[in-house]
N, C-alpha and C. Protein backbone atom coordinates (compact mmCIF):
# COMPACT_ATOMS: atom_id res chain seq x y z
N MET A 1 120.68 126.02 85.70
CA MET A 1 119.33 125.48 85.65
C MET A 1 119.26 124.11 86.33
N ARG A 2 120.28 123.31 86.15
CA ARG A 2 120.27 121.98 86.72
C ARG A 2 120.23 122.03 88.25
N SER A 3 121.03 122.91 88.87
CA SER A 3 121.02 123.03 90.33
C SER A 3 119.66 123.50 90.83
N GLU A 4 118.99 124.34 90.05
CA GLU A 4 117.66 124.79 90.44
C GLU A 4 116.68 123.61 90.46
N ASN A 5 116.79 122.72 89.49
CA ASN A 5 115.93 121.54 89.45
C ASN A 5 116.20 120.64 90.65
N CYS A 6 117.46 120.46 91.01
CA CYS A 6 117.81 119.65 92.17
C CYS A 6 117.23 120.25 93.44
N PHE A 7 117.35 121.57 93.58
CA PHE A 7 116.79 122.24 94.75
C PHE A 7 115.29 122.04 94.81
N PHE A 8 114.62 122.17 93.69
CA PHE A 8 113.17 121.98 93.64
C PHE A 8 112.80 120.58 94.09
N LEU A 9 113.52 119.58 93.59
CA LEU A 9 113.22 118.19 93.95
C LEU A 9 113.45 117.95 95.43
N VAL A 10 114.54 118.48 95.97
CA VAL A 10 114.84 118.30 97.39
C VAL A 10 113.81 119.03 98.25
N SER A 11 113.44 120.23 97.84
CA SER A 11 112.48 120.99 98.64
C SER A 11 111.08 120.39 98.57
N GLN A 12 110.76 119.70 97.51
CA GLN A 12 109.43 119.11 97.36
C GLN A 12 109.34 117.71 97.95
N GLN A 13 110.48 117.10 98.26
CA GLN A 13 110.49 115.73 98.74
C GLN A 13 109.67 115.52 100.02
N PRO A 14 109.80 116.37 101.05
CA PRO A 14 108.99 116.16 102.25
C PRO A 14 107.49 116.23 101.97
N ALA A 15 107.06 117.15 101.13
CA ALA A 15 105.63 117.26 100.80
C ALA A 15 105.17 116.02 100.06
N TYR A 16 105.99 115.51 99.15
CA TYR A 16 105.65 114.31 98.41
C TYR A 16 105.53 113.12 99.36
N LYS A 17 106.48 113.02 100.29
CA LYS A 17 106.46 111.92 101.26
C LYS A 17 105.20 112.02 102.11
N TYR A 18 104.86 113.24 102.54
CA TYR A 18 103.66 113.41 103.35
C TYR A 18 102.42 112.99 102.57
N ASN A 19 102.34 113.33 101.29
CA ASN A 19 101.19 112.96 100.47
C ASN A 19 101.07 111.44 100.36
N ILE A 20 102.19 110.76 100.22
CA ILE A 20 102.16 109.30 100.15
C ILE A 20 101.68 108.72 101.48
N GLU A 21 102.21 109.24 102.59
CA GLU A 21 101.79 108.76 103.90
C GLU A 21 100.31 109.02 104.13
N ALA A 22 99.83 110.17 103.72
CA ALA A 22 98.41 110.50 103.88
C ALA A 22 97.55 109.54 103.06
N GLU A 23 98.00 109.19 101.87
CA GLU A 23 97.25 108.25 101.03
C GLU A 23 97.22 106.86 101.66
N ILE A 24 98.34 106.44 102.24
CA ILE A 24 98.38 105.13 102.91
C ILE A 24 97.41 105.11 104.08
N VAL A 25 97.39 106.18 104.88
CA VAL A 25 96.48 106.26 106.02
C VAL A 25 95.04 106.21 105.55
N LYS A 26 94.74 106.93 104.49
CA LYS A 26 93.37 106.96 103.96
C LYS A 26 92.94 105.56 103.51
N ARG A 27 93.82 104.86 102.84
CA ARG A 27 93.48 103.51 102.36
C ARG A 27 93.34 102.52 103.50
N LEU A 28 94.23 102.60 104.50
CA LEU A 28 94.11 101.71 105.66
C LEU A 28 92.82 101.96 106.43
N ASN A 29 92.44 103.22 106.57
CA ASN A 29 91.17 103.54 107.22
C ASN A 29 89.99 102.96 106.46
N ALA A 30 90.04 103.03 105.14
CA ALA A 30 88.97 102.47 104.32
C ALA A 30 88.89 100.95 104.49
N ILE A 31 90.04 100.29 104.54
CA ILE A 31 90.07 98.84 104.73
C ILE A 31 89.47 98.48 106.09
N CYS A 32 89.89 99.21 107.13
CA CYS A 32 89.35 98.95 108.47
C CYS A 32 87.83 99.14 108.49
N ALA A 33 87.37 100.20 107.87
CA ALA A 33 85.93 100.47 107.84
C ALA A 33 85.15 99.36 107.15
N GLN A 34 85.76 98.72 106.17
CA GLN A 34 85.08 97.62 105.46
C GLN A 34 85.13 96.32 106.24
N VAL A 35 86.19 96.11 107.01
CA VAL A 35 86.38 94.83 107.71
C VAL A 35 85.70 94.80 109.07
N ILE A 36 85.70 95.91 109.77
CA ILE A 36 85.18 95.96 111.14
C ILE A 36 83.76 95.41 111.27
N PRO A 37 82.83 95.73 110.39
CA PRO A 37 81.47 95.20 110.55
C PRO A 37 81.38 93.66 110.54
N PHE A 38 82.36 92.99 109.97
CA PHE A 38 82.34 91.52 109.91
C PHE A 38 82.90 90.88 111.18
N LEU A 39 83.48 91.66 112.06
CA LEU A 39 84.04 91.13 113.29
C LEU A 39 82.95 91.00 114.35
N SER A 40 83.23 90.16 115.35
CA SER A 40 82.31 90.08 116.48
C SER A 40 82.34 91.41 117.22
N GLN A 41 81.32 91.64 118.04
CA GLN A 41 81.23 92.90 118.77
C GLN A 41 82.47 93.14 119.62
N GLU A 42 82.94 92.09 120.28
CA GLU A 42 84.14 92.20 121.13
C GLU A 42 85.36 92.62 120.31
N HIS A 43 85.54 91.98 119.16
CA HIS A 43 86.69 92.30 118.32
C HIS A 43 86.55 93.69 117.69
N GLN A 44 85.33 94.08 117.38
CA GLN A 44 85.11 95.43 116.85
C GLN A 44 85.61 96.47 117.85
N GLN A 45 85.25 96.27 119.10
CA GLN A 45 85.67 97.22 120.14
C GLN A 45 87.19 97.24 120.27
N GLN A 46 87.82 96.07 120.21
CA GLN A 46 89.28 96.00 120.31
C GLN A 46 89.96 96.73 119.16
N VAL A 47 89.43 96.54 117.95
CA VAL A 47 90.02 97.19 116.78
C VAL A 47 89.84 98.71 116.86
N VAL A 48 88.66 99.15 117.24
CA VAL A 48 88.41 100.59 117.35
C VAL A 48 89.34 101.20 118.40
N GLN A 49 89.53 100.52 119.53
CA GLN A 49 90.44 101.02 120.56
C GLN A 49 91.88 101.06 120.05
N ALA A 50 92.29 100.03 119.32
CA ALA A 50 93.66 99.99 118.78
C ALA A 50 93.88 101.11 117.78
N VAL A 51 92.89 101.37 116.94
CA VAL A 51 93.01 102.45 115.97
C VAL A 51 93.10 103.79 116.67
N GLU A 52 92.32 103.98 117.71
CA GLU A 52 92.37 105.24 118.46
C GLU A 52 93.73 105.40 119.14
N ARG A 53 94.28 104.32 119.69
CA ARG A 53 95.62 104.38 120.28
C ARG A 53 96.66 104.73 119.23
N ALA A 54 96.52 104.13 118.05
CA ALA A 54 97.48 104.38 116.97
C ALA A 54 97.46 105.84 116.54
N LYS A 55 96.31 106.48 116.58
CA LYS A 55 96.20 107.89 116.20
C LYS A 55 96.95 108.79 117.17
N GLN A 56 97.20 108.31 118.38
CA GLN A 56 97.82 109.12 119.42
C GLN A 56 99.35 108.96 119.47
N VAL A 57 99.90 108.04 118.68
CA VAL A 57 101.34 107.78 118.71
C VAL A 57 102.08 108.99 118.14
N THR A 58 103.10 109.44 118.85
CA THR A 58 103.89 110.58 118.40
C THR A 58 105.06 110.08 117.55
N MET A 59 105.68 110.99 116.84
CA MET A 59 106.85 110.63 116.04
C MET A 59 107.98 110.11 116.93
N ALA A 60 108.16 110.68 118.11
CA ALA A 60 109.21 110.23 119.02
C ALA A 60 108.96 108.78 119.44
N GLU A 61 107.72 108.46 119.77
CA GLU A 61 107.37 107.08 120.14
C GLU A 61 107.57 106.13 118.97
N LEU A 62 107.18 106.56 117.79
CA LEU A 62 107.34 105.73 116.60
C LEU A 62 108.82 105.46 116.32
N ASN A 63 109.64 106.49 116.42
CA ASN A 63 111.08 106.33 116.20
C ASN A 63 111.69 105.42 117.27
N ALA A 64 111.21 105.49 118.49
CA ALA A 64 111.71 104.62 119.55
C ALA A 64 111.37 103.16 119.28
N ILE A 65 110.19 102.93 118.72
CA ILE A 65 109.77 101.57 118.40
C ILE A 65 110.58 101.02 117.24
N ILE A 66 110.74 101.83 116.21
CA ILE A 66 111.45 101.40 115.00
C ILE A 66 112.95 101.30 115.24
N GLY A 67 113.50 102.33 115.90
CA GLY A 67 114.96 102.41 116.08
C GLY A 67 115.39 101.58 117.21
């Protein structure tokens, strides 16, 4: 029974990690949505462009930046 529990935890770990990452993204998007209206028009455009660029980053690019 114990090995079955370990397998369950290991198999569920990627899904749990994904849920945490999805929650972080959701919260950051909410923060951006609240802050952007207070920026000047120029800065609003820059932030929107940066967010759009960030959405296009691949895992390979992210690993290259981090590693």
